[in-house]
């Protein structure tokens, strides 16, 4: 049984524990000392293990945004033996609080699913919130090879489980190639010039925010 499947048999995080877990997660956030002149959301679209976190971390740092990670929320839930059903709602709550506080947010998770897009639509109804979409789209063989050789931690038991989870995710959501979103940049994390790509993307995003 996969780790993902086992998590669905764990109990759901109860309301009375929700605030405690949210506060635990928020205590580990890297909050910039200076708030941005214009608030924005960084919204990546990409499959499991495509490299969203790899590009989002330096982008968030350069653009002065708070990174909110759905995987880090899942890890806390797993450690406390709860399933992942409330992950997206919890991330949404944290993002709303940060926006209310005047910060910008880099969403470290796939924003291409139908549910995520609906939440982004709700968030961008706020005055002066700019949504910046970008895609992380390496070749599939690169992702599979990465999963087969990845140093597995809490999320997958082994490489076989990681690869199986990738195909399950792709079967459920597709590869997002049909989405008509205003991407400002598409990353290919299989290329050796990733630092250059990140620099190019950050410059485009900074221009978008002027």
C-alpha atoms as a PDB file:
ATOM      1  CA  UNK A   1       0.000   0.000   0.000  1.00  0.00           C
ATOM      2  CA  UNK A   2       1.460   3.392  -0.955  1.00  0.00           C
ATOM      3  CA  UNK A   3       2.146   6.127   1.538  1.00  0.00           C
ATOM      4  CA  UNK A   4      -0.421   8.279  -0.263  1.00  0.00           C
ATOM      5  CA  UNK A   5      -3.049   5.521   0.114  1.00  0.00           C
ATOM      6  CA  UNK A   6      -2.201   4.940   3.770  1.00  0.00           C
ATOM      7  CA  UNK A   7      -2.705   8.632   4.467  1.00  0.00           C
ATOM      8  CA  UNK A   8      -6.308   8.363   3.294  1.00  0.00           C
ATOM      9  CA  UNK A   9      -7.002   5.793   6.031  1.00  0.00           C
ATOM     10  CA  UNK A  10      -5.717   8.128   8.740  1.00  0.00           C
ATOM     11  CA  UNK A  11      -8.291  10.314  10.505  1.00  0.00           C
ATOM     12  CA  UNK A  12      -9.044  13.790   9.223  1.00  0.00           C
ATOM     13  CA  UNK A  13      -7.622  16.764  11.074  1.00  0.00           C
ATOM     14  CA  UNK A  14     -10.399  17.860  13.467  1.00  0.00           C
ATOM     15  CA  UNK A  15     -11.501  21.481  13.784  1.00  0.00           C
ATOM     16  CA  UNK A  16     -10.296  21.690  17.370  1.00  0.00           C
ATOM     17  CA  UNK A  17      -6.729  20.849  16.265  1.00  0.00           C
ATOM     18  CA  UNK A  18      -6.723  22.894  13.053  1.00  0.00           C
ATOM     19  CA  UNK A  19      -5.575  26.172  14.608  1.00  0.00           C
ATOM     20  CA  UNK A  20      -2.719  24.461  16.465  1.00  0.00           C
ATOM     21  CA  UNK A  21      -1.417  22.813  13.283  1.00  0.00           C
ATOM     22  CA  UNK A  22      -1.780  26.026  11.287  1.00  0.00           C
ATOM     23  CA  UNK A  23       0.178  27.958  13.899  1.00  0.00           C
ATOM     24  CA  UNK A  24       2.878  25.289  13.860  1.00  0.00           C
ATOM     25  CA  UNK A  25       3.200  25.585  10.094  1.00  0.00           C
ATOM     26  CA  UNK A  26       3.154  29.392  10.110  1.00  0.00           C
ATOM     27  CA  UNK A  27       5.890  29.490  12.766  1.00  0.00           C
ATOM     28  CA  UNK A  28       8.313  28.096  10.181  1.00  0.00           C
ATOM     29  CA  UNK A  29       7.532  30.555   7.392  1.00  0.00           C
ATOM     30  CA  UNK A  30      10.243  32.887   6.139  1.00  0.00           C
ATOM     31  CA  UNK A  31       8.573  36.311   6.393  1.00  0.00           C
ATOM     32  CA  UNK A  32      10.334  39.178   4.559  1.00  0.00           C
ATOM     33  CA  UNK A  33      11.287  42.192   6.653  1.00  0.00           C
ATOM     34  CA  UNK A  34       9.914  44.542   3.997  1.00  0.00           C
ATOM     35  CA  UNK A  35       6.483  44.223   2.389  1.00  0.00           C
ATOM     36  CA  UNK A  36       6.254  44.557  -1.403  1.00  0.00           C
ATOM     37  CA  UNK A  37       5.066  47.754  -3.049  1.00  0.00           C
ATOM     38  CA  UNK A  38       2.573  45.699  -5.047  1.00  0.00           C
ATOM     39  CA  UNK A  39       1.097  42.424  -3.830  1.00  0.00           C
ATOM     40  CA  UNK A  40       1.123  39.374  -6.052  1.00  0.00           C
ATOM     41  CA  UNK A  41       0.705  35.612  -6.166  1.00  0.00           C
ATOM     42  CA  UNK A  42       3.275  33.395  -7.869  1.00  0.00           C
ATOM     43  CA  UNK A  43       1.372  30.417  -9.279  1.00  0.00           C
ATOM     44  CA  UNK A  44       3.308  27.494 -10.785  1.00  0.00           C
ATOM     45  CA  UNK A  45       1.778  24.758 -12.897  1.00  0.00           C
ATOM     46  CA  UNK A  46       3.549  21.424 -13.162  1.00  0.00           C
ATOM     47  CA  UNK A  47       3.453  17.712 -12.472  1.00  0.00           C
ATOM     48  CA  UNK A  48       4.800  15.886  -9.437  1.00  0.00           C
ATOM     49  CA  UNK A  49       8.616  16.160  -9.255  1.00  0.00           C
ATOM     50  CA  UNK A  50       8.781  18.589 -12.188  1.00  0.00           C
ATOM     51  CA  UNK A  51      10.911  20.975 -10.093  1.00  0.00           C
ATOM     52  CA  UNK A  52       8.362  23.537  -8.862  1.00  0.00           C
ATOM     53  CA  UNK A  53      10.071  23.979  -5.488  1.00  0.00           C
ATOM     54  CA  UNK A  54      13.490  24.166  -7.141  1.00  0.00           C
ATOM     55  CA  UNK A  55      12.526  27.273  -9.097  1.00  0.00           C
ATOM     56  CA  UNK A  56      10.048  28.742  -6.619  1.00  0.00           C
ATOM     57  CA  UNK A  57      12.464  29.079  -3.694  1.00  0.00           C
ATOM     58  CA  UNK A  58      14.903  31.444  -5.452  1.00  0.00           C
ATOM     59  CA  UNK A  59      12.047  33.314  -7.160  1.00  0.00           C
ATOM     60  CA  UNK A  60      10.301  33.918  -3.834  1.00  0.00           C
ATOM     61  CA  UNK A  61      13.543  35.173  -2.303  1.00  0.00           C
ATOM     62  CA  UNK A  62      14.343  37.488  -5.196  1.00  0.00           C
ATOM     63  CA  UNK A  63      10.782  38.852  -5.438  1.00  0.00           C
ATOM     64  CA  UNK A  64      10.314  39.242  -1.674  1.00  0.00           C
ATOM     65  CA  UNK A  65       7.415  36.781  -1.382  1.00  0.00           C
ATOM     66  CA  UNK A  66       6.463  34.304   1.337  1.00  0.00           C
ATOM     67  CA  UNK A  67       6.643  30.701   0.123  1.00  0.00           C
ATOM     68  CA  UNK A  68       3.666  28.557   1.199  1.00  0.00           C
ATOM     69  CA  UNK A  69       4.261  24.846   0.593  1.00  0.00           C
ATOM     70  CA  UNK A  70       1.495  22.253   0.382  1.00  0.00           C
ATOM     71  CA  UNK A  71       4.072  19.469   0.800  1.00  0.00           C
ATOM     72  CA  UNK A  72       5.318  20.981   4.061  1.00  0.00           C
ATOM     73  CA  UNK A  73       1.734  21.112   5.339  1.00  0.00           C
ATOM     74  CA  UNK A  74       1.282  17.458   4.328  1.00  0.00           C
ATOM     75  CA  UNK A  75       4.432  16.529   6.208  1.00  0.00           C
ATOM     76  CA  UNK A  76       3.095  18.055   9.436  1.00  0.00           C
ATOM     77  CA  UNK A  77      -0.212  16.242   8.962  1.00  0.00           C
ATOM     78  CA  UNK A  78       1.602  12.952   8.372  1.00  0.00           C
ATOM     79  CA  UNK A  79       3.746  13.401  11.478  1.00  0.00           C
ATOM     80  CA  UNK A  80       0.553  13.823  13.493  1.00  0.00           C
ATOM     81  CA  UNK A  81      -1.106  10.838  11.776  1.00  0.00           C
ATOM     82  CA  UNK A  82      -3.827  12.808   9.972  1.00  0.00           C
ATOM     83  CA  UNK A  83      -4.765  12.389   6.309  1.00  0.00           C
ATOM     84  CA  UNK A  84      -4.090  15.073   3.699  1.00  0.00           C
ATOM     85  CA  UNK A  85      -7.701  16.011   2.915  1.00  0.00           C
ATOM     86  CA  UNK A  86      -7.482  19.481   4.436  1.00  0.00           C
ATOM     87  CA  UNK A  87      -4.117  20.427   2.931  1.00  0.00           C
ATOM     88  CA  UNK A  88      -5.413  22.741   0.199  1.00  0.00           C
ATOM     89  CA  UNK A  89      -7.887  24.470   2.503  1.00  0.00           C
ATOM     90  CA  UNK A  90      -5.135  25.016   5.084  1.00  0.00           C
ATOM     91  CA  UNK A  91      -2.774  26.485   2.499  1.00  0.00           C
ATOM     92  CA  UNK A  92      -5.585  28.752   1.280  1.00  0.00           C
ATOM     93  CA  UNK A  93      -6.161  29.995   4.840  1.00  0.00           C
ATOM     94  CA  UNK A  94      -2.467  30.801   5.309  1.00  0.00           C
ATOM     95  CA  UNK A  95      -2.279  32.562   1.936  1.00  0.00           C
ATOM     96  CA  UNK A  96      -5.328  34.703   2.724  1.00  0.00           C
ATOM     97  CA  UNK A  97      -3.850  35.717   6.085  1.00  0.00           C
ATOM     98  CA  UNK A  98      -0.558  36.693   4.438  1.00  0.00           C
ATOM     99  CA  UNK A  99      -2.334  38.737   1.776  1.00  0.00           C
ATOM    100  CA  UNK A 100      -4.417  40.427   4.481  1.00  0.00           C
ATOM    101  CA  UNK A 101      -1.141  41.299   6.177  1.00  0.00           C
ATOM    102  CA  UNK A 102       0.193  42.998   3.052  1.00  0.00           C
ATOM    103  CA  UNK A 103       2.600  40.274   1.911  1.00  0.00           C
ATOM    104  CA  UNK A 104       2.976  38.573  -1.443  1.00  0.00           C
ATOM    105  CA  UNK A 105       2.867  34.784  -1.709  1.00  0.00           C
ATOM    106  CA  UNK A 106       4.679  32.160  -3.772  1.00  0.00           C
ATOM    107  CA  UNK A 107       2.446  29.090  -3.878  1.00  0.00           C
ATOM    108  CA  UNK A 108       4.663  26.012  -3.650  1.00  0.00           C
ATOM    109  CA  UNK A 109       2.250  23.501  -5.133  1.00  0.00           C
ATOM    110  CA  UNK A 110       0.543  22.865  -8.423  1.00  0.00           C
ATOM    111  CA  UNK A 111      -1.897  25.687  -9.187  1.00  0.00           C
ATOM    112  CA  UNK A 112      -3.142  24.000 -12.357  1.00  0.00           C
ATOM    113  CA  UNK A 113      -5.770  21.714 -10.851  1.00  0.00           C
ATOM    114  CA  UNK A 114      -9.394  22.801 -11.083  1.00  0.00           C
ATOM    115  CA  UNK A 115      -9.682  23.319  -7.330  1.00  0.00           C
ATOM    116  CA  UNK A 116      -6.488  25.373  -7.152  1.00  0.00           C
ATOM    117  CA  UNK A 117      -7.551  27.561 -10.061  1.00  0.00           C
ATOM    118  CA  UNK A 118     -10.844  28.313  -8.323  1.00  0.00           C
ATOM    119  CA  UNK A 119      -9.000  29.385  -5.180  1.00  0.00           C
ATOM    120  CA  UNK A 120      -6.678  31.603  -7.208  1.00  0.00           C
ATOM    121  CA  UNK A 121      -9.716  33.195  -8.869  1.00  0.00           C
ATOM    122  CA  UNK A 122     -11.131  33.979  -5.440  1.00  0.00           C
ATOM    123  CA  UNK A 123      -7.865  35.447  -4.213  1.00  0.00           C
ATOM    124  CA  UNK A 124      -7.320  37.655  -7.241  1.00  0.00           C
ATOM    125  CA  UNK A 125     -10.674  39.375  -6.653  1.00  0.00           C
ATOM    126  CA  UNK A 126      -8.862  41.325  -3.961  1.00  0.00           C
ATOM    127  CA  UNK A 127      -7.867  44.840  -5.035  1.00  0.00           C
ATOM    128  CA  UNK A 128      -4.376  45.220  -6.493  1.00  0.00           C
ATOM    129  CA  UNK A 129      -3.443  41.514  -6.347  1.00  0.00           C
ATOM    130  CA  UNK A 130      -1.445  40.520  -9.427  1.00  0.00           C
ATOM    131  CA  UNK A 131      -1.382  36.829 -10.346  1.00  0.00           C
ATOM    132  CA  UNK A 132       1.773  35.630 -12.100  1.00  0.00           C
ATOM    133  CA  UNK A 133       1.484  32.219 -13.750  1.00  0.00           C
ATOM    134  CA  UNK A 134       4.447  30.163 -14.859  1.00  0.00           C
ATOM    135  CA  UNK A 135       4.897  26.571 -15.988  1.00  0.00           C
ATOM    136  CA  UNK A 136       7.481  23.992 -14.954  1.00  0.00           C
ATOM    137  CA  UNK A 137       7.598  21.485 -17.792  1.00  0.00           C
ATOM    138  CA  UNK A 138      10.623  19.207 -18.148  1.00  0.00           C
ATOM    139  CA  UNK A 139      10.388  16.066 -20.312  1.00  0.00           C
ATOM    140  CA  UNK A 140       8.572  13.203 -18.623  1.00  0.00           C
ATOM    141  CA  UNK A 141      11.594  10.921 -18.917  1.00  0.00           C
ATOM    142  CA  UNK A 142      13.560  13.452 -16.847  1.00  0.00           C
ATOM    143  CA  UNK A 143      10.936  13.319 -14.064  1.00  0.00           C
ATOM    144  CA  UNK A 144      10.821   9.514 -14.063  1.00  0.00           C
ATOM    145  CA  UNK A 145      14.606   9.250 -13.943  1.00  0.00           C
ATOM    146  CA  UNK A 146      14.665  11.773 -11.098  1.00  0.00           C
ATOM    147  CA  UNK A 147      12.108   9.765  -9.117  1.00  0.00           C
ATOM    148  CA  UNK A 148      14.012   6.534  -9.691  1.00  0.00           C
ATOM    149  CA  UNK A 149      17.188   8.059  -8.252  1.00  0.00           C
ATOM    150  CA  UNK A 150      15.717  10.519  -5.756  1.00  0.00           C
ATOM    151  CA  UNK A 151      16.758  10.317  -2.103  1.00  0.00           C
ATOM    152  CA  UNK A 152      13.327   9.409  -0.769  1.00  0.00           C
ATOM    153  CA  UNK A 153      12.171  10.795   2.517  1.00  0.00           C
ATOM    154  CA  UNK A 154       8.751  10.943   4.168  1.00  0.00           C
ATOM    155  CA  UNK A 155       6.562  11.170   1.072  1.00  0.00           C
ATOM    156  CA  UNK A 156       7.343   7.893  -0.720  1.00  0.00           C
ATOM    157  CA  UNK A 157       8.527   4.540   0.578  1.00  0.00           C
ATOM    158  CA  UNK A 158      10.835   3.922  -2.380  1.00  0.00           C
ATOM    159  CA  UNK A 159      11.437   4.739  -6.044  1.00  0.00           C
ATOM    160  CA  UNK A 160       8.754   2.361  -7.324  1.00  0.00           C
ATOM    161  CA  UNK A 161       6.144   4.032  -5.143  1.00  0.00           C
ATOM    162  CA  UNK A 162       7.302   7.469  -6.280  1.00  0.00           C
ATOM    163  CA  UNK A 163       7.005   6.555  -9.969  1.00  0.00           C
ATOM    164  CA  UNK A 164       3.608   4.920  -9.422  1.00  0.00           C
ATOM    165  CA  UNK A 165       2.378   8.047  -7.633  1.00  0.00           C
ATOM    166  CA  UNK A 166       3.542  10.201 -10.538  1.00  0.00           C
ATOM    167  CA  UNK A 167       1.498   8.185 -13.042  1.00  0.00           C
ATOM    168  CA  UNK A 168      -1.516   8.137 -10.716  1.00  0.00           C
ATOM    169  CA  UNK A 169      -1.318  11.934 -10.422  1.00  0.00           C
ATOM    170  CA  UNK A 170      -0.952  12.362 -14.176  1.00  0.00           C
ATOM    171  CA  UNK A 171      -3.894  10.028 -14.835  1.00  0.00           C
ATOM    172  CA  UNK A 172      -6.072  12.043 -12.452  1.00  0.00           C
ATOM    173  CA  UNK A 173      -5.090  15.558 -13.544  1.00  0.00           C
ATOM    174  CA  UNK A 174      -3.505  15.180 -16.974  1.00  0.00           C
ATOM    175  CA  UNK A 175      -0.291  16.982 -17.885  1.00  0.00           C
ATOM    176  CA  UNK A 176      -1.887  20.481 -17.874  1.00  0.00           C
ATOM    177  CA  UNK A 177      -0.913  21.084 -21.509  1.00  0.00           C
ATOM    178  CA  UNK A 178      -4.529  21.982 -22.326  1.00  0.00           C
ATOM    179  CA  UNK A 179      -4.704  24.848 -19.848  1.00  0.00           C
ATOM    180  CA  UNK A 180      -5.059  28.312 -21.348  1.00  0.00           C
ATOM    181  CA  UNK A 181      -3.255  30.369 -18.738  1.00  0.00           C
ATOM    182  CA  UNK A 182      -1.185  33.546 -19.249  1.00  0.00           C
ATOM    183  CA  UNK A 183       2.197  32.031 -18.435  1.00  0.00           C
ATOM    184  CA  UNK A 184       4.987  34.586 -18.262  1.00  0.00           C
ATOM    185  CA  UNK A 185       7.647  31.865 -18.410  1.00  0.00           C
ATOM    186  CA  UNK A 186       8.058  28.111 -18.944  1.00  0.00           C
ATOM    187  CA  UNK A 187      10.903  26.363 -17.164  1.00  0.00           C
ATOM    188  CA  UNK A 188      12.642  23.240 -18.400  1.00  0.00           C
ATOM    189  CA  UNK A 189      14.325  21.981 -15.244  1.00  0.00           C
ATOM    190  CA  UNK A 190      16.130  19.244 -17.186  1.00  0.00           C
ATOM    191  CA  UNK A 191      18.405  21.817 -18.814  1.00  0.00           C
ATOM    192  CA  UNK A 192      21.790  22.683 -17.264  1.00  0.00           C
ATOM    193  CA  UNK A 193      21.132  26.454 -17.423  1.00  0.00           C
ATOM    194  CA  UNK A 194      18.532  26.534 -14.646  1.00  0.00           C
ATOM    195  CA  UNK A 195      20.142  29.518 -12.891  1.00  0.00           C
ATOM    196  CA  UNK A 196      19.909  31.458 -16.151  1.00  0.00           C
ATOM    197  CA  UNK A 197      16.259  30.490 -16.553  1.00  0.00           C
ATOM    198  CA  UNK A 198      15.490  31.637 -13.014  1.00  0.00           C
ATOM    199  CA  UNK A 199      17.210  34.956 -13.666  1.00  0.00           C
ATOM    200  CA  UNK A 200      15.294  35.464 -16.914  1.00  0.00           C
ATOM    201  CA  UNK A 201      11.988  34.598 -15.279  1.00  0.00           C
ATOM    202  CA  UNK A 202      12.599  36.866 -12.282  1.00  0.00           C
ATOM    203  CA  UNK A 203      13.416  39.794 -14.584  1.00  0.00           C
ATOM    204  CA  UNK A 204      10.174  39.241 -16.524  1.00  0.00           C
ATOM    205  CA  UNK A 205       8.180  39.001 -13.302  1.00  0.00           C
ATOM    206  CA  UNK A 206       9.762  42.150 -11.875  1.00  0.00           C
ATOM    207  CA  UNK A 207       8.791  43.966 -15.064  1.00  0.00           C
ATOM    208  CA  UNK A 208       5.212  42.637 -14.756  1.00  0.00           C
ATOM    209  CA  UNK A 209       4.990  44.128 -11.269  1.00  0.00           C
ATOM    210  CA  UNK A 210       6.090  47.652 -12.147  1.00  0.00           C
END
